[in-house]
């Protein structure tokens, strides 16, 4: 078995939990009759969280292949 397979399994399960959480929040908002919208304030909060995660995972994927 590959040494990195444990990390791949961990990342896959983490992504699944993230998607389930987002789906749950959307379902709760739709159940209350609220419309789903994204404001500029939401982007100011989300972008600094998501961009470093994407950059870090991309760097790790590129570094691991060479």
PDB file of N, CA and C in Angstrom:
ATOM      1  N   UNK A   1       0.843  -1.178   0.000  1.00  0.00           N
ATOM      2  CA  UNK A   1       0.000   0.000   0.000  1.00  0.00           C
ATOM      3  C   UNK A   1       0.891   1.246   0.000  1.00  0.00           C
ATOM      4  N   UNK A   2       0.467   2.245  -0.712  1.00  0.00           N
ATOM      5  CA  UNK A   2       1.232   3.483  -0.837  1.00  0.00           C
ATOM      6  C   UNK A   2       1.204   4.258   0.472  1.00  0.00           C
ATOM      7  N   UNK A   3       2.295   4.938   0.794  1.00  0.00           N
ATOM      8  CA  UNK A   3       2.370   5.714   2.038  1.00  0.00           C
ATOM      9  C   UNK A   3       1.381   6.870   2.046  1.00  0.00           C
ATOM     10  N   UNK A   4       1.067   7.422   0.889  1.00  0.00           N
ATOM     11  CA  UNK A   4       0.176   8.576   0.805  1.00  0.00           C
ATOM     12  C   UNK A   4      -1.306   8.195   0.780  1.00  0.00           C
ATOM     13  N   UNK A   5      -1.603   6.905   0.710  1.00  0.00           N
ATOM     14  CA  UNK A   5      -3.001   6.494   0.600  1.00  0.00           C
ATOM     15  C   UNK A   5      -3.808   6.856   1.847  1.00  0.00           C
ATOM     16  N   UNK A   6      -3.176   6.866   2.999  1.00  0.00           N
ATOM     17  CA  UNK A   6      -3.869   7.247   4.227  1.00  0.00           C
ATOM     18  C   UNK A   6      -4.299   8.710   4.158  1.00  0.00           C
ATOM     19  N   UNK A   7      -3.438   9.551   3.639  1.00  0.00           N
ATOM     20  CA  UNK A   7      -3.753  10.967   3.526  1.00  0.00           C
ATOM     21  C   UNK A   7      -4.842  11.213   2.492  1.00  0.00           C
ATOM     22  N   UNK A   8      -4.831  10.448   1.415  1.00  0.00           N
ATOM     23  CA  UNK A   8      -5.871  10.581   0.392  1.00  0.00           C
ATOM     24  C   UNK A   8      -7.226  10.211   0.980  1.00  0.00           C
ATOM     25  N   UNK A   9      -7.277   9.135   1.740  1.00  0.00           N
ATOM     26  CA  UNK A   9      -8.525   8.726   2.383  1.00  0.00           C
ATOM     27  C   UNK A   9      -8.997   9.816   3.343  1.00  0.00           C
ATOM     28  N   UNK A  10      -8.093  10.391   4.117  1.00  0.00           N
ATOM     29  CA  UNK A  10      -8.428  11.458   5.052  1.00  0.00           C
ATOM     30  C   UNK A  10      -8.993  12.678   4.318  1.00  0.00           C
ATOM     31  N   UNK A  11      -8.361  13.074   3.232  1.00  0.00           N
ATOM     32  CA  UNK A  11      -8.826  14.233   2.468  1.00  0.00           C
ATOM     33  C   UNK A  11     -10.178  13.958   1.826  1.00  0.00           C
ATOM     34  N   UNK A  12     -10.389  12.761   1.310  1.00  0.00           N
ATOM     35  CA  UNK A  12     -11.673  12.416   0.690  1.00  0.00           C
ATOM     36  C   UNK A  12     -12.789  12.469   1.731  1.00  0.00           C
ATOM     37  N   UNK A  13     -12.570  11.902   2.891  1.00  0.00           N
ATOM     38  CA  UNK A  13     -13.603  11.955   3.924  1.00  0.00           C
ATOM     39  C   UNK A  13     -13.827  13.382   4.413  1.00  0.00           C
ATOM     40  N   UNK A  14     -12.766  14.176   4.500  1.00  0.00           N
ATOM     41  CA  UNK A  14     -12.918  15.579   4.871  1.00  0.00           C
ATOM     42  C   UNK A  14     -13.757  16.343   3.863  1.00  0.00           C
ATOM     43  N   UNK A  15     -13.523  16.097   2.582  1.00  0.00           N
ATOM     44  CA  UNK A  15     -14.329  16.752   1.535  1.00  0.00           C
ATOM     45  C   UNK A  15     -15.779  16.304   1.594  1.00  0.00           C
ATOM     46  N   UNK A  16     -15.997  15.026   1.878  1.00  0.00           N
ATOM     47  CA  UNK A  16     -17.376  14.536   1.998  1.00  0.00           C
ATOM     48  C   UNK A  16     -18.095  15.225   3.152  1.00  0.00           C
ATOM     49  N   UNK A  17     -17.430  15.366   4.294  1.00  0.00           N
ATOM     50  CA  UNK A  17     -18.040  16.035   5.450  1.00  0.00           C
ATOM     51  C   UNK A  17     -18.306  17.498   5.148  1.00  0.00           C
ATOM     52  N   UNK A  18     -17.397  18.135   4.425  1.00  0.00           N
ATOM     53  CA  UNK A  18     -17.594  19.533   4.050  1.00  0.00           C
ATOM     54  C   UNK A  18     -18.820  19.686   3.153  1.00  0.00           C
ATOM     55  N   UNK A  19     -18.945  18.824   2.173  1.00  0.00           N
ATOM     56  CA  UNK A  19     -20.103  18.884   1.277  1.00  0.00           C
ATOM     57  C   UNK A  19     -21.407  18.589   2.020  1.00  0.00           C
ATOM     58  N   UNK A  20     -21.372  17.641   2.950  1.00  0.00           N
ATOM     59  CA  UNK A  20     -22.574  17.356   3.731  1.00  0.00           C
ATOM     60  C   UNK A  20     -22.958  18.540   4.605  1.00  0.00           C
ATOM     61  N   UNK A  21     -21.969  19.221   5.178  1.00  0.00           N
ATOM     62  CA  UNK A  21     -22.242  20.399   5.997  1.00  0.00           C
ATOM     63  C   UNK A  21     -22.850  21.525   5.183  1.00  0.00           C
ATOM     64  N   UNK A  22     -22.289  21.786   4.014  1.00  0.00           N
ATOM     65  CA  UNK A  22     -22.825  22.832   3.144  1.00  0.00           C
ATOM     66  C   UNK A  22     -24.238  22.470   2.704  1.00  0.00           C
ATOM     67  N   UNK A  23     -24.443  21.223   2.349  1.00  0.00           N
ATOM     68  CA  UNK A  23     -25.788  20.771   1.957  1.00  0.00           C
ATOM     69  C   UNK A  23     -26.786  20.904   3.094  1.00  0.00           C
ATOM     70  N   UNK A  24     -26.353  20.611   4.306  1.00  0.00           N
ATOM     71  CA  UNK A  24     -27.232  20.740   5.467  1.00  0.00           C
ATOM     72  C   UNK A  24     -27.624  22.181   5.743  1.00  0.00           C
ATOM     73  N   UNK A  25     -26.662  23.090   5.625  1.00  0.00           N
ATOM     74  CA  UNK A  25     -26.959  24.505   5.844  1.00  0.00           C
ATOM     75  C   UNK A  25     -27.923  25.016   4.774  1.00  0.00           C
ATOM     76  N   UNK A  26     -27.683  24.627   3.535  1.00  0.00           N
ATOM     77  CA  UNK A  26     -28.583  25.044   2.452  1.00  0.00           C
ATOM     78  C   UNK A  26     -29.977  24.468   2.674  1.00  0.00           C
ATOM     79  N   UNK A  27     -30.061  23.214   3.079  1.00  0.00           N
ATOM     80  CA  UNK A  27     -31.369  22.599   3.326  1.00  0.00           C
ATOM     81  C   UNK A  27     -32.105  23.309   4.461  1.00  0.00           C
ATOM     82  N   UNK A  28     -31.384  23.664   5.533  1.00  0.00           N
ATOM     83  CA  UNK A  28     -32.029  24.377   6.635  1.00  0.00           C
ATOM     84  C   UNK A  28     -32.520  25.757   6.206  1.00  0.00           C
ATOM     85  N   UNK A  29     -31.726  26.444   5.392  1.00  0.00           N
ATOM     86  CA  UNK A  29     -32.142  27.767   4.936  1.00  0.00           C
ATOM     87  C   UNK A  29     -33.350  27.670   4.014  1.00  0.00           C
ATOM     88  N   UNK A  30     -33.367  26.664   3.152  1.00  0.00           N
ATOM     89  CA  UNK A  30     -34.507  26.493   2.248  1.00  0.00           C
ATOM     90  C   UNK A  30     -35.760  26.081   3.019  1.00  0.00           C
ATOM     91  N   UNK A  31     -35.591  25.321   4.090  1.00  0.00           N
ATOM     92  CA  UNK A  31     -36.734  24.868   4.868  1.00  0.00           C
ATOM     93  C   UNK A  31     -37.431  26.045   5.557  1.00  0.00           C
ATOM     94  N   UNK A  32     -36.659  27.039   5.972  1.00  0.00           N
ATOM     95  CA  UNK A  32     -37.229  28.211   6.623  1.00  0.00           C
ATOM     96  C   UNK A  32     -37.783  29.222   5.629  1.00  0.00           C
ATOM     97  N   UNK A  33     -37.624  28.956   4.346  1.00  0.00           N
ATOM     98  CA  UNK A  33     -38.140  29.857   3.329  1.00  0.00           C
ATOM     99  C   UNK A  33     -37.219  31.014   3.009  1.00  0.00           C
ATOM    100  N   UNK A  34     -35.988  30.973   3.495  1.00  0.00           N
ATOM    101  CA  UNK A  34     -35.049  32.046   3.202  1.00  0.00           C
ATOM    102  C   UNK A  34     -34.415  31.817   1.833  1.00  0.00           C
ATOM    103  N   UNK A  35     -34.169  32.912   1.129  1.00  0.00           N
ATOM    104  CA  UNK A  35     -33.495  32.759  -0.152  1.00  0.00           C
ATOM    105  C   UNK A  35     -31.989  32.702   0.072  1.00  0.00           C
ATOM    106  N   UNK A  36     -31.319  31.956  -0.765  1.00  0.00           N
ATOM    107  CA  UNK A  36     -29.871  31.791  -0.655  1.00  0.00           C
ATOM    108  C   UNK A  36     -29.222  32.896  -1.494  1.00  0.00           C
ATOM    109  N   UNK A  37     -28.449  33.753  -0.848  1.00  0.00           N
ATOM    110  CA  UNK A  37     -27.754  34.819  -1.572  1.00  0.00           C
ATOM    111  C   UNK A  37     -26.411  35.066  -0.909  1.00  0.00           C
ATOM    112  N   UNK A  38     -25.487  35.564  -1.694  1.00  0.00           N
ATOM    113  CA  UNK A  38     -24.140  35.848  -1.204  1.00  0.00           C
ATOM    114  C   UNK A  38     -23.882  37.343  -1.343  1.00  0.00           C
ATOM    115  N   UNK A  39     -23.547  37.976  -0.251  1.00  0.00           N
ATOM    116  CA  UNK A  39     -23.266  39.404  -0.262  1.00  0.00           C
ATOM    117  C   UNK A  39     -21.761  39.634  -0.371  1.00  0.00           C
ATOM    118  N   UNK A  40     -21.381  40.897  -0.487  1.00  0.00           N
ATOM    119  CA  UNK A  40     -19.959  41.242  -0.540  1.00  0.00           C
ATOM    120  C   UNK A  40     -19.260  40.896   0.771  1.00  0.00           C
ATOM    121  N   UNK A  41     -19.971  41.028   1.872  1.00  0.00           N
ATOM    122  CA  UNK A  41     -19.392  40.697   3.175  1.00  0.00           C
ATOM    123  C   UNK A  41     -19.070  39.206   3.264  1.00  0.00           C
ATOM    124  N   UNK A  42     -19.929  38.373   2.717  1.00  0.00           N
ATOM    125  CA  UNK A  42     -19.674  36.932   2.722  1.00  0.00           C
ATOM    126  C   UNK A  42     -18.421  36.602   1.926  1.00  0.00           C
ATOM    127  N   UNK A  43     -18.227  37.277   0.804  1.00  0.00           N
ATOM    128  CA  UNK A  43     -17.023  37.036   0.006  1.00  0.00           C
ATOM    129  C   UNK A  43     -15.766  37.478   0.737  1.00  0.00           C
ATOM    130  N   UNK A  44     -15.850  38.559   1.510  1.00  0.00           N
ATOM    131  CA  UNK A  44     -14.699  39.031   2.280  1.00  0.00           C
ATOM    132  C   UNK A  44     -14.317  38.001   3.343  1.00  0.00           C
ATOM    133  N   UNK A  45     -15.286  37.277   3.847  1.00  0.00           N
ATOM    134  CA  UNK A  45     -15.017  36.254   4.860  1.00  0.00           C
ATOM    135  C   UNK A  45     -14.548  34.955   4.211  1.00  0.00           C
ATOM    136  N   UNK A  46     -15.178  34.560   3.124  1.00  0.00           N
ATOM    137  CA  UNK A  46     -14.908  33.252   2.520  1.00  0.00           C
ATOM    138  C   UNK A  46     -13.593  33.223   1.744  1.00  0.00           C
ATOM    139  N   UNK A  47     -13.291  34.259   0.992  1.00  0.00           N
ATOM    140  CA  UNK A  47     -12.096  34.242   0.140  1.00  0.00           C
ATOM    141  C   UNK A  47     -10.808  34.056   0.943  1.00  0.00           C
ATOM    142  N   UNK A  48     -10.589  34.774   2.066  1.00  0.00           N
ATOM    143  CA  UNK A  48      -9.346  34.528   2.818  1.00  0.00           C
ATOM    144  C   UNK A  48      -9.270  33.145   3.459  1.00  0.00           C
ATOM    145  N   UNK A  49     -10.379  32.462   3.568  1.00  0.00           N
ATOM    146  CA  UNK A  49     -10.359  31.107   4.120  1.00  0.00           C
ATOM    147  C   UNK A  49     -10.082  30.089   3.018  1.00  0.00           C
ATOM    148  N   UNK A  50     -10.752  30.210   1.890  1.00  0.00           N
ATOM    149  CA  UNK A  50     -10.682  29.216   0.827  1.00  0.00           C
ATOM    150  C   UNK A  50      -9.383  29.313   0.021  1.00  0.00           C
ATOM    151  N   UNK A  51      -8.950  30.521  -0.317  1.00  0.00           N
ATOM    152  CA  UNK A  51      -7.769  30.686  -1.173  1.00  0.00           C
ATOM    153  C   UNK A  51      -6.510  30.060  -0.555  1.00  0.00           C
ATOM    154  N   UNK A  52      -6.186  30.291   0.717  1.00  0.00           N
ATOM    155  CA  UNK A  52      -4.984  29.630   1.267  1.00  0.00           C
ATOM    156  C   UNK A  52      -5.088  28.102   1.286  1.00  0.00           C
ATOM    157  N   UNK A  53      -6.282  27.588   1.508  1.00  0.00           N
ATOM    158  CA  UNK A  53      -6.452  26.129   1.489  1.00  0.00           C
ATOM    159  C   UNK A  53      -6.166  25.590   0.100  1.00  0.00           C
ATOM    160  N   UNK A  54      -6.698  26.243  -0.933  1.00  0.00           N
ATOM    161  CA  UNK A  54      -6.481  25.796  -2.310  1.00  0.00           C
ATOM    162  C   UNK A  54      -5.001  25.908  -2.677  1.00  0.00           C
ATOM    163  N   UNK A  55      -4.359  27.012  -2.308  1.00  0.00           N
ATOM    164  CA  UNK A  55      -2.939  27.195  -2.621  1.00  0.00           C
ATOM    165  C   UNK A  55      -2.099  26.129  -1.915  1.00  0.00           C
ATOM    166  N   UNK A  56      -2.395  25.856  -0.664  1.00  0.00           N
ATOM    167  CA  UNK A  56      -1.635  24.864   0.092  1.00  0.00           C
ATOM    168  C   UNK A  56      -1.798  23.464  -0.494  1.00  0.00           C
ATOM    169  N   UNK A  57      -3.028  23.080  -0.810  1.00  0.00           N
ATOM    170  CA  UNK A  57      -3.248  21.753  -1.387  1.00  0.00           C
ATOM    171  C   UNK A  57      -2.622  21.625  -2.771  1.00  0.00           C
ATOM    172  N   UNK A  58      -2.658  22.696  -3.553  1.00  0.00           N
ATOM    173  CA  UNK A  58      -2.035  22.670  -4.882  1.00  0.00           C
ATOM    174  C   UNK A  58      -0.523  22.530  -4.754  1.00  0.00           C
ATOM    175  N   UNK A  59       0.073  23.290  -3.844  1.00  0.00           N
ATOM    176  CA  UNK A  59       1.520  23.191  -3.618  1.00  0.00           C
ATOM    177  C   UNK A  59       1.909  21.779  -3.170  1.00  0.00           C
ATOM    178  N   UNK A  60       1.129  21.218  -2.264  1.00  0.00           N
ATOM    179  CA  UNK A  60       1.432  19.862  -1.772  1.00  0.00           C
ATOM    180  C   UNK A  60       1.292  18.825  -2.888  1.00  0.00           C
ATOM    181  N   UNK A  61       0.294  19.009  -3.749  1.00  0.00           N
ATOM    182  CA  UNK A  61       0.099  18.055  -4.843  1.00  0.00           C
ATOM    183  C   UNK A  61       1.232  18.162  -5.854  1.00  0.00           C
ATOM    184  N   UNK A  62       1.667  19.376  -6.176  1.00  0.00           N
ATOM    185  CA  UNK A  62       2.747  19.558  -7.142  1.00  0.00           C
ATOM    186  C   UNK A  62       4.085  19.095  -6.554  1.00  0.00           C
ATOM    187  N   UNK A  63       4.322  19.440  -5.313  1.00  0.00           N
ATOM    188  CA  UNK A  63       5.582  19.079  -4.659  1.00  0.00           C
ATOM    189  C   UNK A  63       5.693  17.553  -4.504  1.00  0.00           C
ATOM    190  N   UNK A  64       4.579  16.907  -4.274  1.00  0.00           N
ATOM    191  CA  UNK A  64       4.590  15.471  -4.073  1.00  0.00           C
ATOM    192  C   UNK A  64       4.816  14.686  -5.355  1.00  0.00           C
ATOM    193  N   UNK A  65       4.553  15.295  -6.510  1.00  0.00           N
ATOM    194  CA  UNK A  65       4.680  14.552  -7.752  1.00  0.00           C
ATOM    195  C   UNK A  65       6.059  14.650  -8.367  1.00  0.00           C
ATOM    196  N   UNK A  66       6.876  15.613  -7.921  1.00  0.00           N
ATOM    197  CA  UNK A  66       8.197  15.786  -8.527  1.00  0.00           C
ATOM    198  C   UNK A  66       9.279  15.225  -7.653  1.00  0.00           C
TER     199      UNK A  66
END
